[in-house]
Amino acid sequence: MGKLADEMTRLADEVRSLRSARGDQMRQLRTGVEELRADLRRSFALMSETQRSALAGFVRGLRDSVGAFRQEVAADMLGARLGWSGGSPAADVADETRQRHGLTEPKGVGHRARRRR
């Protein structure tokens, strides 16, 4: 029975050794996955911040260009209104519109006041 007992002892030792190696591998795998997840979180946070600032810059530029476009359209419409109104009472409305949009000096200071004198 000595040989059988030796083989059983060797087999039991091999099972313990393999179980220990499997535990070590699982711990290494768990550590590797945790590190990978931490790296992904950091990368995602950096990417989010970069994207957020890029989008904020884009929106800022869009607001500026749309605002400038709206001012150009308002000035064009004002010019058309002035061109069609001539010296009629609508000219007073155009003066008020210009003042509201900050396109000319207050009433009584501009070219209409000079013309009326």
Foldseek 3Di string as FASTA:
>chain_A
DVVVVVVVVVVVVVVVVVVVVVVVVVVVVVVVVVVVVVVVVVVVVVVVVVVVVVVVVVVVVVVVVVVVVVLVVLVVVLVVQCVVQPPHPSVVVSQVSCVVSVNDDHPCPDPVVVVVD
